[in-house]
Amino acid sequence: MGIQAAKKAGMTIQFGKYKGQNIQSIPDDYCMWLSKPVYSGKFYTCQHSTELKWKVPFDVKMAARKELERRGFKLIGERWER
């Protein structure tokens, strides 16, 4: 598969609950989690120690953001809205 075809087909998630699935097939809430911006702490507080040690890879974050935009979401401040 060429680079353009791979971009058109979407990205395959390599970790977590949806490992092996195309980013286009994952639910909105998980896609939002993948693409979350850097939070100020005003609306989000970390409750899980793993979130302090591990970050979503940048390319996955950007692919999730593009997918959410394709689905009709817009990033308003620190959250995604339709």
PDB file of N, CA and C in Angstrom:
ATOM      1  N   MET A   1       0.853  -1.175   0.000  1.00  0.00           N
ATOM      2  CA  MET A   1       0.000   0.000   0.000  1.00  0.00           C
ATOM      3  C   MET A   1       0.898   1.236   0.000  1.00  0.00           C
ATOM      4  N   GLY A   2       0.608   2.189  -0.874  1.00  0.00           N
ATOM      5  CA  GLY A   2       1.385   3.412  -0.937  1.00  0.00           C
ATOM      6  C   GLY A   2       1.051   4.359   0.201  1.00  0.00           C
ATOM      7  N   ILE A   3       1.868   5.403   0.340  1.00  0.00           N
ATOM      8  CA  ILE A   3       1.673   6.367   1.429  1.00  0.00           C
ATOM      9  C   ILE A   3       0.322   7.057   1.306  1.00  0.00           C
ATOM     10  N   GLN A   4      -0.044   7.480   0.113  1.00  0.00           N
ATOM     11  CA  GLN A   4      -1.330   8.168  -0.082  1.00  0.00           C
ATOM     12  C   GLN A   4      -2.502   7.246   0.255  1.00  0.00           C
ATOM     13  N   ALA A   5      -2.415   5.997  -0.149  1.00  0.00           N
ATOM     14  CA  ALA A   5      -3.484   5.037   0.154  1.00  0.00           C
ATOM     15  C   ALA A   5      -3.603   4.808   1.654  1.00  0.00           C
ATOM     16  N   ALA A   6      -2.457   4.744   2.335  1.00  0.00           N
ATOM     17  CA  ALA A   6      -2.460   4.548   3.787  1.00  0.00           C
ATOM     18  C   ALA A   6      -3.097   5.742   4.483  1.00  0.00           C
ATOM     19  N   LYS A   7      -2.785   6.955   4.029  1.00  0.00           N
ATOM     20  CA  LYS A   7      -3.378   8.151   4.627  1.00  0.00           C
ATOM     21  C   LYS A   7      -4.884   8.175   4.402  1.00  0.00           C
ATOM     22  N   LYS A   8      -5.307   7.753   3.215  1.00  0.00           N
ATOM     23  CA  LYS A   8      -6.728   7.744   2.886  1.00  0.00           C
ATOM     24  C   LYS A   8      -7.468   6.699   3.732  1.00  0.00           C
ATOM     25  N   ALA A   9      -6.828   5.576   3.962  1.00  0.00           N
ATOM     26  CA  ALA A   9      -7.458   4.498   4.723  1.00  0.00           C
ATOM     27  C   ALA A   9      -7.508   4.797   6.212  1.00  0.00           C
ATOM     28  N   GLY A  10      -6.693   5.721   6.692  1.00  0.00           N
ATOM     29  CA  GLY A  10      -6.668   6.043   8.112  1.00  0.00           C
ATOM     30  C   GLY A  10      -5.550   5.313   8.833  1.00  0.00           C
ATOM     31  N   MET A  11      -5.439   5.598  10.103  1.00  0.00           N
ATOM     32  CA  MET A  11      -4.368   5.026  10.914  1.00  0.00           C
ATOM     33  C   MET A  11      -4.892   3.846  11.724  1.00  0.00           C
ATOM     34  N   THR A  12      -4.047   2.854  11.920  1.00  0.00           N
ATOM     35  CA  THR A  12      -4.384   1.713  12.764  1.00  0.00           C
ATOM     36  C   THR A  12      -3.840   1.984  14.161  1.00  0.00           C
ATOM     37  N   ILE A  13      -4.685   1.825  15.158  1.00  0.00           N
ATOM     38  CA  ILE A  13      -4.289   2.044  16.545  1.00  0.00           C
ATOM     39  C   ILE A  13      -3.403   0.877  16.981  1.00  0.00           C
ATOM     40  N   GLN A  14      -2.259   1.184  17.592  1.00  0.00           N
ATOM     41  CA  GLN A  14      -1.275   0.166  17.966  1.00  0.00           C
ATOM     42  C   GLN A  14      -1.248  -0.150  19.461  1.00  0.00           C
ATOM     43  N   PHE A  15      -2.223   0.358  20.218  1.00  0.00           N
ATOM     44  CA  PHE A  15      -2.221   0.166  21.668  1.00  0.00           C
ATOM     45  C   PHE A  15      -3.653   0.250  22.188  1.00  0.00           C
ATOM     46  N   GLY A  16      -3.832  -0.196  23.409  1.00  0.00           N
ATOM     47  CA  GLY A  16      -5.088   0.012  24.123  1.00  0.00           C
ATOM     48  C   GLY A  16      -6.256  -0.860  23.704  1.00  0.00           C
ATOM     49  N   LYS A  17      -7.404  -0.434  24.129  1.00  0.00           N
ATOM     50  CA  LYS A  17      -8.662  -1.164  23.952  1.00  0.00           C
ATOM     51  C   LYS A  17      -8.977  -1.447  22.487  1.00  0.00           C
ATOM     52  N   TYR A  18      -8.616  -0.529  21.598  1.00  0.00           N
ATOM     53  CA  TYR A  18      -8.948  -0.661  20.179  1.00  0.00           C
ATOM     54  C   TYR A  18      -7.723  -1.002  19.321  1.00  0.00           C
ATOM     55  N   LYS A  19      -6.748  -1.653  19.918  1.00  0.00           N
ATOM     56  CA  LYS A  19      -5.528  -2.048  19.212  1.00  0.00           C
ATOM     57  C   LYS A  19      -5.874  -2.856  17.965  1.00  0.00           C
ATOM     58  N   GLY A  20      -5.249  -2.484  16.860  1.00  0.00           N
ATOM     59  CA  GLY A  20      -5.467  -3.189  15.597  1.00  0.00           C
ATOM     60  C   GLY A  20      -6.625  -2.653  14.783  1.00  0.00           C
ATOM     61  N   GLN A  21      -7.385  -1.702  15.323  1.00  0.00           N
ATOM     62  CA  GLN A  21      -8.528  -1.156  14.602  1.00  0.00           C
ATOM     63  C   GLN A  21      -8.167   0.169  13.937  1.00  0.00           C
ATOM     64  N   ASN A  22      -8.832   0.431  12.830  1.00  0.00           N
ATOM     65  CA  ASN A  22      -8.640   1.677  12.115  1.00  0.00           C
ATOM     66  C   ASN A  22      -9.232   2.820  12.921  1.00  0.00           C
ATOM     67  N   ILE A  23      -8.583   3.964  12.919  1.00  0.00           N
ATOM     68  CA  ILE A  23      -9.046   5.109  13.709  1.00  0.00           C
ATOM     69  C   ILE A  23     -10.451   5.552  13.283  1.00  0.00           C
ATOM     70  N   GLN A  24     -10.827   5.276  12.051  1.00  0.00           N
ATOM     71  CA  GLN A  24     -12.155   5.647  11.567  1.00  0.00           C
ATOM     72  C   GLN A  24     -13.261   4.808  12.189  1.00  0.00           C
ATOM     73  N   SER A  25     -12.909   3.675  12.797  1.00  0.00           N
ATOM     74  CA  SER A  25     -13.929   2.788  13.360  1.00  0.00           C
ATOM     75  C   SER A  25     -14.072   2.901  14.879  1.00  0.00           C
ATOM     76  N   ILE A  26     -13.231   3.706  15.524  1.00  0.00           N
ATOM     77  CA  ILE A  26     -13.318   3.799  16.982  1.00  0.00           C
ATOM     78  C   ILE A  26     -14.378   4.817  17.400  1.00  0.00           C
ATOM     79  N   PRO A  27     -14.966   4.650  18.588  1.00  0.00           N
ATOM     80  CA  PRO A  27     -16.023   5.556  19.052  1.00  0.00           C
ATOM     81  C   PRO A  27     -15.519   6.987  19.281  1.00  0.00           C
ATOM     82  N   ASP A  28     -16.461   7.926  19.222  1.00  0.00           N
ATOM     83  CA  ASP A  28     -16.137   9.344  19.402  1.00  0.00           C
ATOM     84  C   ASP A  28     -15.411   9.616  20.720  1.00  0.00           C
ATOM     85  N   ASP A  29     -15.891   9.026  21.821  1.00  0.00           N
ATOM     86  CA  ASP A  29     -15.295   9.345  23.119  1.00  0.00           C
ATOM     87  C   ASP A  29     -13.835   8.905  23.215  1.00  0.00           C
ATOM     88  N   TYR A  30     -13.499   7.761  22.617  1.00  0.00           N
ATOM     89  CA  TYR A  30     -12.109   7.309  22.634  1.00  0.00           C
ATOM     90  C   TYR A  30     -11.260   8.188  21.724  1.00  0.00           C
ATOM     91  N   CYS A  31     -11.814   8.571  20.597  1.00  0.00           N
ATOM     92  CA  CYS A  31     -11.115   9.463  19.678  1.00  0.00           C
ATOM     93  C   CYS A  31     -10.843  10.810  20.358  1.00  0.00           C
ATOM     94  N   MET A  32     -11.801  11.286  21.138  1.00  0.00           N
ATOM     95  CA  MET A  32     -11.620  12.535  21.890  1.00  0.00           C
ATOM     96  C   MET A  32     -10.511  12.382  22.930  1.00  0.00           C
ATOM     97  N   TRP A  33     -10.471  11.231  23.586  1.00  0.00           N
ATOM     98  CA  TRP A  33      -9.415  10.977  24.567  1.00  0.00           C
ATOM     99  C   TRP A  33      -8.048  10.982  23.898  1.00  0.00           C
ATOM    100  N   LEU A  34      -7.954  10.341  22.724  1.00  0.00           N
ATOM    101  CA  LEU A  34      -6.686  10.298  22.002  1.00  0.00           C
ATOM    102  C   LEU A  34      -6.211  11.689  21.611  1.00  0.00           C
ATOM    103  N   SER A  35      -7.148  12.547  21.264  1.00  0.00           N
ATOM    104  CA  SER A  35      -6.792  13.851  20.716  1.00  0.00           C
ATOM    105  C   SER A  35      -6.849  14.977  21.731  1.00  0.00           C
ATOM    106  N   LYS A  36      -6.999  14.645  23.003  1.00  0.00           N
ATOM    107  CA  LYS A  36      -7.162  15.696  24.007  1.00  0.00           C
ATOM    108  C   LYS A  36      -6.003  16.684  23.976  1.00  0.00           C
ATOM    109  N   PRO A  37      -6.342  17.962  24.098  1.00  0.00           N
ATOM    110  CA  PRO A  37      -5.282  18.976  24.123  1.00  0.00           C
ATOM    111  C   PRO A  37      -4.563  18.946  25.474  1.00  0.00           C
ATOM    112  N   VAL A  38      -3.580  19.786  25.627  1.00  0.00           N
ATOM    113  CA  VAL A  38      -2.904  19.902  26.911  1.00  0.00           C
ATOM    114  C   VAL A  38      -3.866  20.616  27.846  1.00  0.00           C
ATOM    115  N   TYR A  39      -4.281  19.929  28.883  1.00  0.00           N
ATOM    116  CA  TYR A  39      -5.280  20.483  29.780  1.00  0.00           C
ATOM    117  C   TYR A  39      -4.671  21.416  30.806  1.00  0.00           C
ATOM    118  N   SER A  40      -5.399  22.466  31.122  1.00  0.00           N
ATOM    119  CA  SER A  40      -4.935  23.443  32.106  1.00  0.00           C
ATOM    120  C   SER A  40      -5.173  22.957  33.526  1.00  0.00           C
ATOM    121  N   GLY A  41      -6.025  21.952  33.689  1.00  0.00           N
ATOM    122  CA  GLY A  41      -6.382  21.474  35.014  1.00  0.00           C
ATOM    123  C   GLY A  41      -7.669  22.106  35.510  1.00  0.00           C
ATOM    124  N   LYS A  42      -8.150  23.118  34.802  1.00  0.00           N
ATOM    125  CA  LYS A  42      -9.381  23.791  35.205  1.00  0.00           C
ATOM    126  C   LYS A  42     -10.589  22.846  35.102  1.00  0.00           C
ATOM    127  N   PHE A  43     -10.634  22.066  34.024  1.00  0.00           N
ATOM    128  CA  PHE A  43     -11.764  21.166  33.806  1.00  0.00           C
ATOM    129  C   PHE A  43     -11.389  19.701  33.915  1.00  0.00           C
ATOM    130  N   TYR A  44     -10.110  19.413  34.050  1.00  0.00           N
ATOM    131  CA  TYR A  44      -9.644  18.030  34.007  1.00  0.00           C
ATOM    132  C   TYR A  44      -8.603  17.813  35.095  1.00  0.00           C
ATOM    133  N   THR A  45      -8.820  16.798  35.883  1.00  0.00           N
ATOM    134  CA  THR A  45      -7.800  16.421  36.861  1.00  0.00           C
ATOM    135  C   THR A  45      -7.467  14.954  36.645  1.00  0.00           C
ATOM    136  N   CYS A  46      -6.214  14.644  36.684  1.00  0.00           N
ATOM    137  CA  CYS A  46      -5.753  13.281  36.458  1.00  0.00           C
ATOM    138  C   CYS A  46      -6.115  12.409  37.655  1.00  0.00           C
ATOM    139  N   GLN A  47      -6.792  11.307  37.378  1.00  0.00           N
ATOM    140  CA  GLN A  47      -7.164  10.386  38.440  1.00  0.00           C
ATOM    141  C   GLN A  47      -6.427   9.056  38.326  1.00  0.00           C
ATOM    142  N   HIS A  48      -5.675   8.897  37.258  1.00  0.00           N
ATOM    143  CA  HIS A  48      -4.979   7.638  37.021  1.00  0.00           C
ATOM    144  C   HIS A  48      -3.483   7.904  36.869  1.00  0.00           C
ATOM    145  N   SER A  49      -2.678   7.202  37.616  1.00  0.00           N
ATOM    146  CA  SER A  49      -1.238   7.437  37.579  1.00  0.00           C
ATOM    147  C   SER A  49      -0.636   7.164  36.203  1.00  0.00           C
ATOM    148  N   THR A  50      -1.261   6.276  35.399  1.00  0.00           N
ATOM    149  CA  THR A  50      -0.713   5.976  34.078  1.00  0.00           C
ATOM    150  C   THR A  50      -0.740   7.195  33.171  1.00  0.00           C
ATOM    151  N   GLU A  51      -1.690   8.094  33.382  1.00  0.00           N
ATOM    152  CA  GLU A  51      -1.758   9.287  32.547  1.00  0.00           C
ATOM    153  C   GLU A  51      -0.592  10.224  32.822  1.00  0.00           C
ATOM    154  N   LEU A  52       0.025  10.099  33.973  1.00  0.00           N
ATOM    155  CA  LEU A  52       1.171  10.936  34.290  1.00  0.00           C
ATOM    156  C   LEU A  52       2.437  10.422  33.613  1.00  0.00           C
ATOM    157  N   LYS A  53       2.488   9.130  33.348  1.00  0.00           N
ATOM    158  CA  LYS A  53       3.704   8.500  32.836  1.00  0.00           C
ATOM    159  C   LYS A  53       3.679   8.258  31.334  1.00  0.00           C
ATOM    160  N   TRP A  54       2.525   8.175  30.728  1.00  0.00           N
ATOM    161  CA  TRP A  54       2.413   7.817  29.317  1.00  0.00           C
ATOM    162  C   TRP A  54       1.612   8.875  28.583  1.00  0.00           C
ATOM    163  N   LYS A  55       2.040   9.202  27.381  1.00  0.00           N
ATOM    164  CA  LYS A  55       1.313  10.167  26.555  1.00  0.00           C
ATOM    165  C   LYS A  55       0.970   9.527  25.223  1.00  0.00           C
ATOM    166  N   VAL A  56      -0.148   9.944  24.662  1.00  0.00           N
ATOM    167  CA  VAL A  56      -0.549   9.483  23.334  1.00  0.00           C
ATOM    168  C   VAL A  56       0.492   9.987  22.336  1.00  0.00           C
ATOM    169  N   PRO A  57       1.012   9.109  21.468  1.00  0.00           N
ATOM    170  CA  PRO A  57       1.985   9.557  20.463  1.00  0.00           C
ATOM    171  C   PRO A  57       1.418  10.691  19.615  1.00  0.00           C
ATOM    172  N   PHE A  58       2.270  11.638  19.271  1.00  0.00           N
ATOM    173  CA  PHE A  58       1.850  12.838  18.550  1.00  0.00           C
ATOM    174  C   PHE A  58       1.125  12.522  17.249  1.00  0.00           C
ATOM    175  N   ASP A  59       1.636  11.553  16.455  1.00  0.00           N
ATOM    176  CA  ASP A  59       0.992  11.231  15.181  1.00  0.00           C
ATOM    177  C   ASP A  59      -0.408  10.658  15.384  1.00  0.00           C
ATOM    178  N   VAL A  60      -0.604   9.905  16.458  1.00  0.00           N
ATOM    179  CA  VAL A  60      -1.928   9.351  16.767  1.00  0.00           C
ATOM    180  C   VAL A  60      -2.870  10.484  17.192  1.00  0.00           C
ATOM    181  N   LYS A  61      -2.358  11.390  18.014  1.00  0.00           N
ATOM    182  CA  LYS A  61      -3.154  12.538  18.460  1.00  0.00           C
ATOM    183  C   LYS A  61      -3.635  13.365  17.268  1.00  0.00           C
ATOM    184  N   MET A  62      -2.739  13.635  16.326  1.00  0.00           N
ATOM    185  CA  MET A  62      -3.096  14.432  15.152  1.00  0.00           C
ATOM    186  C   MET A  62      -4.086  13.687  14.252  1.00  0.00           C
ATOM    187  N   ALA A  63      -3.902  12.385  14.102  1.00  0.00           N
ATOM    188  CA  ALA A  63      -4.831  11.593  13.288  1.00  0.00           C
ATOM    189  C   ALA A  63      -6.218  11.576  13.929  1.00  0.00           C
ATOM    190  N   ALA A  64      -6.267  11.475  15.262  1.00  0.00           N
ATOM    191  CA  ALA A  64      -7.553  11.490  15.972  1.00  0.00           C
ATOM    192  C   ALA A  64      -8.234  12.839  15.822  1.00  0.00           C
ATOM    193  N   ARG A  65      -7.462  13.919  15.885  1.00  0.00           N
ATOM    194  CA  ARG A  65      -8.045  15.258  15.694  1.00  0.00           C
ATOM    195  C   ARG A  65      -8.634  15.408  14.301  1.00  0.00           C
ATOM    196  N   LYS A  66      -7.900  14.939  13.292  1.00  0.00           N
ATOM    197  CA  LYS A  66      -8.401  15.015  11.915  1.00  0.00           C
ATOM    198  C   LYS A  66      -9.667  14.179  11.756  1.00  0.00           C
ATOM    199  N   GLU A  67      -9.691  13.016  12.399  1.00  0.00           N
ATOM    200  CA  GLU A  67     -10.872  12.151  12.321  1.00  0.00           C
ATOM    201  C   GLU A  67     -12.084  12.817  12.973  1.00  0.00           C
ATOM    202  N   LEU A  68     -11.882  13.441  14.133  1.00  0.00           N
ATOM    203  CA  LEU A  68     -12.993  14.135  14.795  1.00  0.00           C
ATOM    204  C   LEU A  68     -13.506  15.289  13.937  1.00  0.00           C
ATOM    205  N   GLU A  69     -12.606  16.025  13.310  1.00  0.00           N
ATOM    206  CA  GLU A  69     -13.016  17.106  12.416  1.00  0.00           C
ATOM    207  C   GLU A  69     -13.801  16.547  11.240  1.00  0.00           C
ATOM    208  N   ARG A  70     -13.372  15.389  10.716  1.00  0.00           N
ATOM    209  CA  ARG A  70     -14.097  14.739   9.623  1.00  0.00           C
ATOM    210  C   ARG A  70     -15.510  14.354  10.056  1.00  0.00           C
ATOM    211  N   ARG A  71     -15.661  13.988  11.330  1.00  0.00           N
ATOM    212  CA  ARG A  71     -16.962  13.589  11.866  1.00  0.00           C
ATOM    213  C   ARG A  71     -17.837  14.799  12.220  1.00  0.00           C
ATOM    214  N   GLY A  72     -17.310  16.004  12.071  1.00  0.00           N
ATOM    215  CA  GLY A  72     -18.103  17.195  12.318  1.00  0.00           C
ATOM    216  C   GLY A  72     -17.889  17.853  13.670  1.00  0.00           C
ATOM    217  N   PHE A  73     -16.866  17.445  14.397  1.00  0.00           N
ATOM    218  CA  PHE A  73     -16.558  18.052  15.698  1.00  0.00           C
ATOM    219  C   PHE A  73     -15.619  19.235  15.512  1.00  0.00           C
ATOM    220  N   LYS A  74     -15.681  20.178  16.459  1.00  0.00           N
ATOM    221  CA  LYS A  74     -14.759  21.315  16.495  1.00  0.00           C
ATOM    222  C   LYS A  74     -14.190  21.412  17.896  1.00  0.00           C
ATOM    223  N   LEU A  75     -12.904  21.741  17.979  1.00  0.00           N
ATOM    224  CA  LEU A  75     -12.254  21.926  19.275  1.00  0.00           C
ATOM    225  C   LEU A  75     -12.542  23.345  19.742  1.00  0.00           C
ATOM    226  N   ILE A  76     -13.322  23.459  20.830  1.00  0.00           N
ATOM    227  CA  ILE A  76     -13.679  24.741  21.386  1.00  0.00           C
ATOM    228  C   ILE A  76     -13.038  24.804  22.777  1.00  0.00           C
ATOM    229  N   GLY A  77     -12.012  25.645  22.912  1.00  0.00           N
ATOM    230  CA  GLY A  77     -11.302  25.703  24.185  1.00  0.00           C
ATOM    231  C   GLY A  77     -10.601  24.391  24.470  1.00  0.00           C
ATOM    232  N   GLU A  78     -11.075  23.703  25.484  1.00  0.00           N
ATOM    233  CA  GLU A  78     -10.466  22.426  25.891  1.00  0.00           C
ATOM    234  C   GLU A  78     -11.365  21.227  25.634  1.00  0.00           C
ATOM    235  N   ARG A  79     -12.421  21.398  24.856  1.00  0.00           N
ATOM    236  CA  ARG A  79     -13.313  20.253  24.606  1.00  0.00           C
ATOM    237  C   ARG A  79     -13.804  20.238  23.157  1.00  0.00           C
ATOM    238  N   TRP A  80     -14.237  19.070  22.746  1.00  0.00           N
ATOM    239  CA  TRP A  80     -14.761  18.880  21.386  1.00  0.00           C
ATOM    240  C   TRP A  80     -16.281  19.024  21.418  1.00  0.00           C
ATOM    241  N   GLU A  81     -16.816  19.748  20.446  1.00  0.00           N
ATOM    242  CA  GLU A  81     -18.267  19.940  20.345  1.00  0.00           C
ATOM    243  C   GLU A  81     -18.706  19.773  18.895  1.00  0.00           C
ATOM    244  N   ARG A  82     -19.950  19.387  18.738  1.00  0.00           N
ATOM    245  CA  ARG A  82     -20.545  19.281  17.388  1.00  0.00           C
ATOM    246  C   ARG A  82     -21.322  20.504  17.087  1.00  0.00           C
TER     247      ARG A  82
END
